[in-house]
N, C-alpha and C. Protein backbone atom coordinates (compact mmCIF):
# COMPACT_ATOMS: atom_id res chain seq x y z
N MET A 1 88.16 99.52 97.90
CA MET A 1 88.11 100.31 98.19
C MET A 1 87.46 100.86 97.71
N ARG A 2 86.17 100.41 97.45
CA ARG A 2 84.34 100.87 97.23
C ARG A 2 84.14 100.88 98.73
N ILE A 3 84.76 99.93 99.44
CA ILE A 3 84.24 99.89 101.10
C ILE A 3 84.10 101.44 101.50
N ALA A 4 85.67 101.18 100.92
CA ALA A 4 86.35 102.43 102.00
C ALA A 4 85.89 104.18 101.40
N LEU A 5 85.10 104.08 99.76
CA LEU A 5 85.18 104.64 99.09
C LEU A 5 82.68 105.19 99.69
N PHE A 6 82.49 104.28 100.28
CA PHE A 6 81.39 104.54 100.49
C PHE A 6 81.25 104.67 101.84
N ALA A 7 82.20 104.33 102.97
CA ALA A 7 82.22 104.53 104.45
C ALA A 7 82.18 105.77 104.04
N THR A 8 83.20 106.62 103.11
CA THR A 8 84.09 107.91 103.25
C THR A 8 82.41 109.00 103.33
N CYS A 9 81.57 108.49 101.62
CA CYS A 9 80.49 109.14 101.27
C CYS A 9 79.50 108.96 103.09
N VAL A 10 79.31 108.05 103.52
CA VAL A 10 78.56 107.78 104.30
C VAL A 10 79.01 108.90 105.73
N VAL A 11 80.11 109.11 105.99
CA VAL A 11 80.60 110.19 106.96
C VAL A 11 80.69 111.73 106.18
N ASP A 12 80.72 111.50 105.06
CA ASP A 12 80.96 113.15 104.78
C ASP A 12 79.34 113.22 104.30
N ALA A 13 78.38 112.56 104.14
CA ALA A 13 76.76 113.45 104.79
C ALA A 13 76.53 113.72 106.59
N MET A 14 76.97 112.58 107.27
CA MET A 14 76.83 112.89 108.52
C MET A 14 77.66 113.93 109.97
N TYR A 15 79.32 113.58 109.06
CA TYR A 15 80.14 114.63 109.22
C TYR A 15 81.64 114.91 108.75
N PRO A 16 80.88 116.17 108.24
CA PRO A 16 81.77 116.86 107.13
C PRO A 16 82.76 117.33 107.46
N LYS A 17 83.13 117.08 108.66
CA LYS A 17 84.49 118.19 109.01
C LYS A 17 85.25 116.04 109.23
N VAL A 18 84.36 115.82 110.06
CA VAL A 18 85.19 114.70 110.49
C VAL A 18 86.12 113.55 108.57
N ALA A 19 85.20 114.01 107.50
CA ALA A 19 85.45 113.75 106.77
C ALA A 19 86.75 114.38 106.17
N LEU A 20 86.79 115.46 105.87
CA LEU A 20 87.91 116.46 105.19
C LEU A 20 89.04 116.30 105.89
N ALA A 21 88.99 115.80 107.76
CA ALA A 21 90.05 115.27 108.10
C ALA A 21 90.39 114.15 107.78
N THR A 22 89.97 112.39 107.60
CA THR A 22 89.79 111.49 107.14
C THR A 22 90.98 111.17 105.31
N VAL A 23 90.33 112.05 104.98
CA VAL A 23 91.21 112.63 103.46
C VAL A 23 92.43 113.55 103.33
N ARG A 24 92.40 114.02 104.62
CA ARG A 24 93.62 114.62 105.25
C ARG A 24 94.44 113.40 105.29
N VAL A 25 94.45 112.69 106.31
CA VAL A 25 95.50 111.68 106.36
C VAL A 25 95.55 110.37 104.93
N LEU A 26 94.49 110.54 104.62
CA LEU A 26 94.62 109.32 103.71
C LEU A 26 95.48 109.48 102.58
């Protein structure tokens, strides 16, 4: 889970919209 959260944070920093979409999917 930590790796997933870390990846989400990195993506959120670069692509906020993509991160939001990922959160909705999860």
